[in-house]
Amino acid sequence: MKWFFAALRFVLAAVFLSAGLIKASASAQFAVSLAPFTILPEALIDPVATLLPWIEITAALLLLCHPTKKIGAAVIILLCLLFCAVIGWALAQDIIVSCACFGRDETPTASKMQLTIGRDVLLALAAAAVLFEDRLRPPWRTPDTARKTPASG
């Protein structure tokens, strides 16, 4: 079970590191994709476009380090909830735009935005599994009892 959570951490970190690096390397383009959402005042678009990718990158790196994995997972959950809220708000306002999560999307559609929300929910659930890993492990496999056998009691 431990390998599962380690793999989950690496996959989540890869997703957020990739998304963050793509946006950080093209923050001006990312700022252009944020503008149609109209949820941010114009003065905040550039700072958000610059800061958000670095938050994603930092969360990914925190997730990779065992002592800080829970902080990284919590940040990723918050980011995913934020993304779901913003995209959901845009859909509710009939604003059909590209999320620009992994670069520019050529033809934004409502169904792509809905899929993006679904993906973000799954990513948040995966991060929650990492965050609550200790509680999700079977009680008979706790670190104290993992090496004991029933005969050694």
Protein backbone atom coordinates (compact mmCIF):
# COMPACT_ATOMS: atom_id res chain seq x y z
CA MET A 1 0.00 0.00 0.00
CA LYS A 2 2.93 2.32 0.70
CA TRP A 3 4.04 2.09 -2.96
CA PHE A 4 0.55 3.20 -4.05
CA PHE A 5 0.76 6.45 -2.07
CA ALA A 6 4.33 7.07 -3.25
CA ALA A 7 3.22 6.59 -6.88
CA LEU A 8 0.23 8.87 -6.28
CA ARG A 9 2.54 11.58 -4.92
CA PHE A 10 4.85 11.32 -7.93
CA VAL A 11 1.99 11.44 -10.44
CA LEU A 12 0.42 14.47 -8.72
CA ALA A 13 3.79 16.19 -8.51
CA ALA A 14 4.45 15.51 -12.21
CA VAL A 15 1.05 16.94 -13.20
CA PHE A 16 1.47 20.13 -11.16
CA LEU A 17 5.14 20.57 -11.97
CA SER A 18 4.36 20.23 -15.68
CA ALA A 19 1.40 22.62 -15.55
CA GLY A 20 3.34 25.14 -13.48
CA LEU A 21 6.41 25.07 -15.71
CA ILE A 22 4.32 25.47 -18.87
CA LYS A 23 2.52 28.49 -17.41
CA ALA A 24 5.66 29.99 -15.85
CA SER A 25 7.51 29.82 -19.15
CA ALA A 26 4.69 31.70 -20.89
CA SER A 27 3.17 33.90 -18.19
CA ALA A 28 2.18 36.59 -20.71
CA GLN A 29 0.16 34.03 -22.69
CA PHE A 30 -1.29 32.66 -19.46
CA ALA A 31 -2.35 36.20 -18.48
CA VAL A 32 -4.14 36.52 -21.82
CA SER A 33 -6.04 33.28 -21.11
CA LEU A 34 -7.07 34.55 -17.66
CA ALA A 35 -8.59 37.78 -18.96
CA PRO A 36 -11.78 36.25 -20.49
CA PHE A 37 -12.77 34.75 -17.13
CA THR A 38 -13.56 38.33 -15.96
CA ILE A 39 -13.48 37.15 -12.34
CA LEU A 40 -10.27 39.09 -11.63
CA PRO A 41 -9.85 42.84 -11.82
CA GLU A 42 -7.57 43.73 -14.73
CA ALA A 43 -4.86 44.97 -12.36
CA LEU A 44 -4.57 41.48 -10.78
CA ILE A 45 -4.34 39.42 -13.96
CA ASP A 46 -0.58 39.82 -14.48
CA PRO A 47 0.36 39.20 -10.81
CA VAL A 48 -1.87 36.11 -10.68
CA ALA A 49 -0.49 34.84 -14.00
CA THR A 50 3.01 35.21 -12.60
CA LEU A 51 2.37 33.85 -9.09
CA LEU A 52 0.01 30.92 -9.75
CA PRO A 53 2.50 28.79 -11.73
CA TRP A 54 5.09 29.16 -8.96
CA ILE A 55 2.53 28.07 -6.38
CA GLU A 56 1.87 24.96 -8.49
CA ILE A 57 5.60 24.26 -8.84
CA THR A 58 6.18 24.76 -5.11
CA ALA A 59 3.27 22.48 -4.21
CA ALA A 60 4.66 19.78 -6.52
CA LEU A 61 8.12 20.03 -4.94
CA LEU A 62 6.65 19.96 -1.42
CA LEU A 63 4.72 16.84 -2.38
CA LEU A 64 7.91 15.08 -3.47
CA CYS A 65 9.67 15.62 -0.14
CA HIS A 66 8.43 13.21 2.53
CA PRO A 67 8.50 15.71 5.44
CA THR A 68 6.47 18.29 3.49
CA LYS A 69 4.20 16.00 1.48
CA LYS A 70 1.09 16.89 3.51
CA ILE A 71 1.64 20.62 2.98
CA GLY A 72 2.03 20.02 -0.76
CA ALA A 73 -1.12 17.87 -0.81
CA ALA A 74 -3.11 20.53 1.07
CA VAL A 75 -1.97 23.26 -1.34
CA ILE A 76 -2.93 21.08 -4.31
CA ILE A 77 -6.39 20.47 -2.82
CA LEU A 78 -6.87 24.21 -2.38
CA LEU A 79 -5.67 24.91 -5.93
CA CYS A 80 -8.02 22.29 -7.38
CA LEU A 81 -10.97 23.68 -5.42
CA LEU A 82 -10.08 27.17 -6.64
CA PHE A 83 -9.83 25.97 -10.24
CA CYS A 84 -13.20 24.17 -9.97
CA ALA A 85 -14.83 27.28 -8.51
CA VAL A 86 -13.45 29.60 -11.20
CA ILE A 87 -14.30 27.31 -14.10
CA GLY A 88 -17.72 26.54 -12.60
CA TRP A 89 -18.37 30.26 -12.18
CA ALA A 90 -17.41 30.89 -15.81
CA LEU A 91 -19.74 28.11 -16.99
CA ALA A 92 -22.57 29.52 -14.88
CA GLN A 93 -22.02 32.91 -16.53
CA ASP A 94 -21.98 31.29 -20.01
CA ILE A 95 -18.34 32.29 -20.41
CA ILE A 96 -16.72 29.59 -22.51
CA VAL A 97 -12.94 29.85 -22.30
CA SER A 98 -9.85 27.72 -22.28
CA CYS A 99 -8.56 26.88 -18.83
CA ALA A 100 -4.96 27.06 -20.13
CA CYS A 101 -4.02 24.47 -17.51
CA PHE A 102 -1.38 22.88 -19.70
CA GLY A 103 -0.90 25.59 -22.27
CA ARG A 104 -3.38 27.17 -24.63
CA ASP A 105 -6.46 25.20 -25.66
CA GLU A 106 -7.34 25.98 -29.27
CA THR A 107 -11.12 25.49 -29.21
CA PRO A 108 -12.70 25.99 -25.80
CA THR A 109 -16.08 24.36 -25.24
CA ALA A 110 -18.42 23.92 -22.30
CA SER A 111 -17.84 20.16 -22.36
CA LYS A 112 -14.04 20.67 -22.16
CA MET A 113 -14.59 22.98 -19.20
CA GLN A 114 -16.77 20.33 -17.52
CA LEU A 115 -14.07 17.71 -18.13
CA THR A 116 -11.55 20.10 -16.59
CA ILE A 117 -13.69 20.35 -13.46
CA GLY A 118 -13.91 16.55 -13.35
CA ARG A 119 -10.14 16.26 -13.71
CA ASP A 120 -9.60 18.80 -10.94
CA VAL A 121 -11.97 16.90 -8.64
CA LEU A 122 -10.01 13.69 -9.27
CA LEU A 123 -6.71 15.49 -8.63
CA ALA A 124 -8.11 16.93 -5.39
CA LEU A 125 -9.26 13.46 -4.30
CA ALA A 126 -5.82 12.04 -5.07
CA ALA A 127 -4.20 14.83 -3.04
CA ALA A 128 -6.67 14.16 -0.21
CA ALA A 129 -5.61 10.49 -0.26
CA VAL A 130 -2.00 11.60 0.18
CA LEU A 131 -2.99 14.06 2.91
CA PHE A 132 -4.91 11.40 4.84
CA GLU A 133 -2.66 8.49 3.90
CA ASP A 134 -2.13 7.48 7.55
CA ARG A 135 -5.87 7.18 8.11
CA LEU A 136 -6.44 5.24 4.89
CA ARG A 137 -3.99 2.46 5.67
CA PRO A 138 -5.54 -0.73 7.03
CA PRO A 139 -5.23 -0.88 10.86
CA TRP A 140 -3.44 -4.24 10.71
CA ARG A 141 -0.65 -2.64 8.64
CA THR A 142 0.37 0.18 10.97
CA PRO A 143 4.13 0.75 11.28
CA ASP A 144 4.14 -0.78 14.80
CA THR A 145 2.50 -4.04 13.73
CA ALA A 146 3.73 -4.38 10.15
CA ARG A 147 6.73 -6.52 11.14
CA LYS A 148 4.96 -8.72 13.70
CA THR A 149 3.47 -12.02 12.69
CA PRO A 150 0.49 -13.61 14.44
CA ALA A 151 2.75 -16.39 15.77
CA SER A 152 5.26 -13.96 17.29
CA GLY A 153 2.42 -12.11 19.13
